Protein backbone atom coordinates (compact mmCIF):
# COMPACT_ATOMS: atom_id res chain seq x y z
CA UNK A 1 15.00 160.47 182.47
CA UNK A 2 12.04 159.97 184.80
CA UNK A 3 10.99 156.82 182.91
CA UNK A 4 14.51 155.47 183.21
CA UNK A 5 14.61 156.16 186.95
CA UNK A 6 11.24 154.44 187.41
CA UNK A 7 12.44 151.43 185.47
CA UNK A 8 15.59 151.12 187.57
CA UNK A 9 13.95 151.78 190.91
CA UNK A 10 14.50 148.30 192.27
CA UNK A 11 18.12 147.97 191.26
CA UNK A 12 20.48 146.98 194.05
CA UNK A 13 23.26 149.27 195.18
CA UNK A 14 25.72 146.77 193.74
CA UNK A 15 24.24 147.35 190.27
CA UNK A 16 24.30 151.10 190.84
CA UNK A 17 27.96 150.98 191.86
CA UNK A 18 28.75 148.86 188.81
CA UNK A 19 27.00 151.46 186.66
CA UNK A 20 28.95 154.22 188.37
CA UNK A 21 32.24 152.40 187.88
CA UNK A 22 31.52 151.80 184.18
CA UNK A 23 30.46 155.41 183.65
CA UNK A 24 33.57 156.67 185.43
CA UNK A 25 35.76 154.53 183.20
CA UNK A 26 34.09 155.74 180.03
CA UNK A 27 34.33 159.37 181.12
CA UNK A 28 38.00 158.95 181.99
CA UNK A 29 38.76 157.45 178.59
CA UNK A 30 36.89 160.27 176.84
CA UNK A 31 38.92 162.80 178.81
CA UNK A 32 42.14 161.04 177.77
CA UNK A 33 41.16 161.31 174.11
CA UNK A 34 40.21 164.98 174.41
CA UNK A 35 43.06 166.07 176.69
CA UNK A 36 45.56 166.51 173.86
CA UNK A 37 43.67 169.57 172.59
CA UNK A 38 42.98 171.30 175.88
CA UNK A 39 46.37 172.99 176.41
CA UNK A 40 45.98 174.85 173.14
CA UNK A 41 42.55 176.13 174.10
CA UNK A 42 42.70 176.90 177.83
CA UNK A 43 45.35 179.38 179.02
CA UNK A 44 47.40 177.98 181.91
CA UNK A 45 46.82 174.27 181.30
CA UNK A 46 50.32 172.72 181.47
CA UNK A 47 51.44 170.99 178.30
CA UNK A 48 52.80 167.89 180.05
CA UNK A 49 49.47 166.86 181.58
CA UNK A 50 47.43 166.41 178.38
CA UNK A 51 50.40 165.01 176.50
CA UNK A 52 50.84 162.27 179.10
CA UNK A 53 47.14 161.52 178.96
CA UNK A 54 47.08 161.28 175.20
CA UNK A 55 50.07 158.94 175.00
CA UNK A 56 48.89 156.59 177.75
CA UNK A 57 48.55 152.96 176.60
CA UNK A 58 45.14 151.27 176.45
CA UNK A 59 43.79 150.66 179.95
CA UNK A 60 42.48 147.18 179.32
CA UNK A 61 43.73 144.08 177.52
CA UNK A 62 40.99 144.53 174.93
CA UNK A 63 42.46 147.86 173.88
CA UNK A 64 40.89 151.28 173.71
CA UNK A 65 37.13 151.40 173.76
CA UNK A 66 35.14 153.24 171.11
CA UNK A 67 34.84 156.95 171.81
CA UNK A 68 32.43 159.62 170.58
CA UNK A 69 33.66 160.96 167.28
CA UNK A 70 33.76 164.49 168.60
CA UNK A 71 36.20 163.54 171.33
CA UNK A 72 38.56 161.58 169.12
CA UNK A 73 39.56 164.42 166.77
CA UNK A 74 41.05 167.83 167.46
CA UNK A 75 38.73 170.85 167.34
CA UNK A 76 38.22 172.27 163.90
CA UNK A 77 39.20 169.16 161.96
CA UNK A 78 35.79 169.10 160.28
CA UNK A 79 36.37 172.61 159.03
CA UNK A 80 39.90 171.77 157.87
CA UNK A 81 38.52 168.93 155.83
CA UNK A 82 35.94 171.16 154.16
CA UNK A 83 38.53 173.86 153.43
CA UNK A 84 40.67 171.31 151.57
CA UNK A 85 37.88 170.57 149.09
CA UNK A 86 38.55 171.36 145.48
CA UNK A 87 37.11 174.67 144.33
CA UNK A 88 33.56 174.27 143.10
CA UNK A 89 32.95 171.06 145.03
CA UNK A 90 29.75 171.51 147.06
CA UNK A 91 30.06 171.62 150.86
CA UNK A 92 27.63 169.65 153.00
CA UNK A 93 28.36 171.49 156.26
CA UNK A 94 25.19 173.52 156.12
CA UNK A 95 22.91 170.70 155.08
CA UNK A 96 20.33 169.94 157.82
CA UNK A 97 21.39 166.28 158.03
CA UNK A 98 24.94 167.30 159.04
CA UNK A 99 24.14 170.27 161.24
CA UNK A 100 23.16 168.44 164.44
CA UNK A 101 26.16 166.03 164.56
CA UNK A 102 28.50 168.96 164.01
CA UNK A 103 26.87 170.92 166.84
CA UNK A 104 26.98 167.87 169.11
CA UNK A 105 30.65 167.43 168.41
CA UNK A 106 31.39 171.09 169.11
CA UNK A 107 29.48 170.99 172.39
CA UNK A 108 31.44 167.88 173.44
CA UNK A 109 34.67 169.73 172.74
CA UNK A 110 33.45 172.72 174.75
CA UNK A 111 32.51 170.44 177.64
CA UNK A 112 35.95 168.80 177.61
CA UNK A 113 37.69 172.18 177.48
CA UNK A 114 35.56 173.40 180.38
CA UNK A 115 36.55 170.33 182.42
CA UNK A 116 40.21 171.20 181.91
CA UNK A 117 39.57 174.83 182.85
CA UNK A 118 37.80 173.68 186.03
CA UNK A 119 40.77 171.41 186.81
CA UNK A 120 43.10 174.39 186.46
CA UNK A 121 40.97 176.39 188.89
CA UNK A 122 40.91 173.45 191.29
CA UNK A 123 44.72 173.23 191.15
CA UNK A 124 45.30 176.91 191.91
CA UNK A 125 42.40 176.99 194.41
CA UNK A 126 40.60 179.87 192.73
CA UNK A 127 36.84 180.35 192.40
CA UNK A 128 35.36 180.49 188.93
CA UNK A 129 32.55 182.61 187.55
CA UNK A 130 30.04 182.04 184.80
CA UNK A 131 31.44 185.08 182.97
CA UNK A 132 34.90 183.49 182.93
CA UNK A 133 33.55 180.23 181.57
CA UNK A 134 31.60 182.04 178.86
CA UNK A 135 34.40 184.34 177.75
CA UNK A 136 37.31 181.86 177.88
CA UNK A 137 35.70 178.52 176.98
CA UNK A 138 32.08 178.66 175.83
CA UNK A 139 32.35 181.86 173.75
CA UNK A 140 29.74 181.99 170.96
CA UNK A 141 27.92 178.92 172.29
CA UNK A 142 26.53 180.75 175.32
CA UNK A 143 23.00 179.54 174.55
CA UNK A 144 24.21 176.03 175.34
CA UNK A 145 25.94 176.97 178.61
CA UNK A 146 23.49 175.12 180.92
CA UNK A 147 24.00 171.75 179.24
CA UNK A 148 27.77 172.21 178.81
CA UNK A 149 28.16 173.26 182.45
CA UNK A 150 25.98 170.39 183.69
CA UNK A 151 27.98 167.78 181.74
CA UNK A 152 31.32 169.25 182.86
CA UNK A 153 30.23 169.37 186.52
CA UNK A 154 29.09 165.74 186.38
CA UNK A 155 32.41 164.74 184.84
CA UNK A 156 34.34 166.55 187.61
CA UNK A 157 32.30 164.73 190.22
CA UNK A 158 32.26 161.31 188.57
CA UNK A 159 35.85 161.03 187.35
CA UNK A 160 37.79 163.28 189.70
CA UNK A 161 35.69 163.37 192.89
CA UNK A 162 35.45 167.18 192.79
CA UNK A 163 32.21 169.07 193.46
CA UNK A 164 31.41 172.36 191.73
CA UNK A 165 29.52 174.41 194.34
CA UNK A 166 27.81 177.74 193.80
CA UNK A 167 28.79 180.20 196.55
CA UNK A 168 27.46 183.46 195.13
CA UNK A 169 24.22 183.00 193.14
CA UNK A 170 23.94 186.71 192.32
CA UNK A 171 27.30 186.70 190.52
CA UNK A 172 27.22 183.01 189.48
CA UNK A 173 30.46 182.29 191.32
CA UNK A 174 31.55 178.71 192.06
CA UNK A 175 34.24 176.97 194.09
CA UNK A 176 35.72 173.53 193.47
CA UNK A 177 36.01 171.30 196.52
CA UNK A 178 36.85 167.67 197.18
CA UNK A 179 33.66 165.58 197.39
CA UNK A 180 32.27 164.17 200.67
CA UNK A 181 34.22 166.64 202.79
CA UNK A 182 37.49 164.71 202.34
CA UNK A 183 40.59 166.80 202.99
CA UNK A 184 42.87 164.73 200.77
CA UNK A 185 44.81 166.98 198.36
CA UNK A 186 47.30 165.29 196.06
CA UNK A 187 48.11 168.72 194.57
CA UNK A 188 50.29 169.39 197.63
CA UNK A 189 52.79 166.80 196.40
CA UNK A 190 52.32 167.04 192.64
CA UNK A 191 50.74 170.17 191.17
CA UNK A 192 50.38 168.64 187.72
CA UNK A 193 48.67 165.43 188.83
CA UNK A 194 44.98 164.84 188.25
CA UNK A 195 42.56 164.51 191.19
CA UNK A 196 42.14 160.88 192.23
CA UNK A 197 39.42 161.17 194.88
CA UNK A 198 36.78 159.77 192.52
CA UNK A 199 38.54 156.39 192.65
CA UNK A 200 38.85 156.54 196.43
CA UNK A 201 35.10 157.19 196.76
CA UNK A 202 34.33 154.21 194.52
CA UNK A 203 36.47 151.97 196.73
CA UNK A 204 34.89 153.32 199.91
CA UNK A 205 31.45 152.64 198.42
CA UNK A 206 32.41 149.08 197.55
CA UNK A 207 33.71 148.51 201.09
CA UNK A 208 30.43 149.80 202.52
CA UNK A 209 28.47 147.60 200.12
CA UNK A 210 30.47 144.52 201.17
CA UNK A 211 29.63 144.98 204.84
CA UNK A 212 32.49 147.33 205.84
CA UNK A 213 35.15 144.89 204.62
CA UNK A 214 35.88 144.11 200.96
CA UNK A 215 38.12 141.32 199.71
CA UNK A 216 40.95 142.51 197.47
CA UNK A 217 39.74 140.45 194.50
CA UNK A 218 36.30 142.12 194.73
CA UNK A 219 37.93 145.56 194.52
CA UNK A 220 40.12 144.69 191.53
CA UNK A 221 37.24 143.04 189.69
CA UNK A 222 35.14 146.18 190.09
CA UNK A 223 37.97 148.52 189.11
CA UNK A 224 38.69 146.49 185.97
CA UNK A 225 35.29 147.65 184.69
CA UNK A 226 36.66 151.20 184.53
CA UNK A 227 39.97 150.27 182.92
CA UNK A 228 41.95 150.23 186.17
CA UNK A 229 44.05 147.06 186.37
CA UNK A 230 46.65 145.82 188.81
CA UNK A 231 50.04 146.41 187.21
CA UNK A 232 48.74 148.68 184.42
CA UNK A 233 49.73 152.35 184.46
CA UNK A 234 46.64 154.58 184.34
CA UNK A 235 46.78 158.14 183.00
CA UNK A 236 44.83 159.53 185.98
CA UNK A 237 45.67 157.14 188.81
CA UNK A 238 49.20 156.12 187.91
CA UNK A 239 50.18 152.66 189.20
CA UNK A 240 46.93 151.72 190.98
CA UNK A 241 48.31 149.07 193.35
CA UNK A 242 50.79 151.53 194.82
CA UNK A 243 48.08 154.18 195.13
CA UNK A 244 45.49 151.89 196.75
CA UNK A 245 47.56 149.58 198.96
CA UNK A 246 50.32 152.00 199.94
CA UNK A 247 49.58 155.70 199.45
CA UNK A 248 45.96 155.76 200.64
CA UNK A 249 46.85 153.40 203.47
CA UNK A 250 49.61 155.79 204.57
CA UNK A 251 47.16 158.69 204.29
CA UNK A 252 44.78 156.86 206.62
CA UNK A 253 41.87 156.52 204.18
CA UNK A 254 42.13 152.74 203.74
CA UNK A 255 43.21 149.76 205.79
CA UNK A 256 44.81 146.92 203.82
CA UNK A 257 45.26 143.76 205.87
CA UNK A 258 45.59 140.02 205.57
CA UNK A 259 42.38 138.04 205.98
CA UNK A 260 42.72 136.28 209.34
CA UNK A 261 43.83 132.64 209.09
CA UNK A 262 43.93 132.73 205.27
CA UNK A 263 46.38 130.28 203.71
CA UNK A 264 47.53 131.10 201.12
CA UNK A 265 47.39 134.69 202.26
CA UNK A 266 44.47 136.79 201.00
CA UNK A 267 43.90 140.48 201.69
CA UNK A 268 40.99 142.80 202.37
CA UNK A 269 40.19 146.53 202.52
CA UNK A 270 38.43 148.53 205.22
CA UNK A 271 37.86 152.24 205.76
CA UNK A 272 40.80 153.85 207.50
CA UNK A 273 40.61 156.18 210.52
CA UNK A 274 40.84 159.32 208.37
CA UNK A 275 37.91 158.17 206.23
CA UNK A 276 35.79 157.63 209.35
CA UNK A 277 36.83 161.02 210.72
CA UNK A 278 36.16 163.05 207.57
CA UNK A 279 33.04 161.51 206.05
CA UNK A 280 30.17 159.14 206.82
CA UNK A 281 28.44 156.13 205.35
CA UNK A 282 25.40 158.30 204.71
CA UNK A 283 27.43 160.78 202.65
CA UNK A 284 28.93 157.97 200.57
CA UNK A 285 25.51 156.38 200.03
CA UNK A 286 23.97 159.74 199.07
CA UNK A 287 26.86 160.46 196.69
CA UNK A 288 26.56 157.14 194.86
CA UNK A 289 22.76 157.29 194.77
CA UNK A 290 22.64 160.92 193.60
CA UNK A 291 24.98 160.39 190.66
CA UNK A 292 22.76 157.54 189.48
CA UNK A 293 19.49 159.42 189.97
CA UNK A 294 18.34 157.39 192.98
CA UNK A 295 17.14 158.19 196.47
CA UNK A 296 19.31 156.67 199.23
CA UNK A 297 16.14 155.14 200.67
CA UNK A 298 15.99 152.92 197.58
CA UNK A 299 18.56 150.76 199.39
CA UNK A 300 16.80 150.01 202.73
CA UNK A 301 19.46 147.79 204.31
CA UNK A 302 22.31 150.17 203.61
CA UNK A 303 20.22 153.22 204.43
CA UNK A 304 19.39 151.74 207.85
CA UNK A 305 23.06 150.98 208.45
CA UNK A 306 23.96 154.57 207.46
CA UNK A 307 21.34 155.90 209.89
CA UNK A 308 22.76 153.77 212.71
CA UNK A 309 26.22 155.12 211.88
CA UNK A 310 24.86 158.69 212.11
CA UNK A 311 23.32 157.91 215.51
CA UNK A 312 26.57 156.43 216.81
CA UNK A 313 28.44 159.54 215.70
CA UNK A 314 25.86 161.80 217.35
CA UNK A 315 26.22 160.05 220.71
CA UNK A 316 30.00 160.19 220.45
CA UNK A 317 29.70 163.97 220.01
CA UNK A 318 27.39 164.17 223.03
CA UNK A 319 29.83 162.16 225.14
CA UNK A 320 32.72 164.36 223.99
CA UNK A 321 30.78 167.50 224.98
CA UNK A 322 30.02 166.04 228.40
CA UNK A 323 33.66 165.07 228.92
CA UNK A 324 34.74 168.58 227.92
CA UNK A 325 32.33 170.12 230.43
CA UNK A 326 30.08 171.67 227.79
CA UNK A 327 27.15 169.37 228.53
CA UNK A 328 24.99 167.58 225.96
CA UNK A 329 23.21 169.62 223.31
CA UNK A 330 19.82 167.94 223.15
CA UNK A 331 17.93 170.56 221.17
CA UNK A 332 19.97 169.98 218.02
CA UNK A 333 18.95 166.35 217.60
CA UNK A 334 21.17 163.38 216.89
CA UNK A 335 22.05 164.37 213.32
CA UNK A 336 23.16 167.96 213.87
């Protein structure tokens, strides 16, 4: 990992965002393939959610991409195949050459099941403990909990825009919160929908990258890398044009407007007032950089712009305090 990070040190944020978009698309497709099995494994997962995911059409004109074998078949199918052997036919399940692929496949299934359990907890706004994860999902594979939990947490963050935060280290208790401090909660309108904030964060990152204003064609070109196409129904995001140009505009997270003096008319995206109020450029930059194993300072131009944004926000807070009669709070510094 360290060698890879060193090798990629000079990549631009555009390349990092492209990598993030591609990884998000692959993760989302893997979750679609695995979702059909989750309702049978995790108590409380509604049947209609994984069924809809499994029956969704390919998300790109090229068709479905290749998926890891372990995510394409229901749990236990390897064992079913071996049990159907004729009596006396030797089994190869215990041969060393087959042991590691079988374990890898099982761990992938456990990771996918844990993602669906985390989604359930996110829906009902309940914390989750390590003991719950071990007893309900991981079971006899407790020795592999760290890697399963790490992969599942990364998937929640990357695909769904949900952070898994430890709130009680002594009891290994975690809460699931929307990334970047955003208050958007689609569960209020549709309990069975899947979190869509991951896509919103990608778009906000692209807008920041493009100088605070991104042309519509730039957004769609980037989203096509993750299987999200204008006019194509997506199993997580639904009809993306309606979500991006209508719903998130109404919610105040995006501004969608005609490019001035464009003929024929072209359109562009900006951050909306709610995005500016709830998060910052620095948080978006840190989020994108962290997922890709980079330091935000690896992108000097954008890091400087994010710092200037933090300073502007700090002075706005100072002015607000003065106007309210509280007086400026100098000892906390500009980034408090």
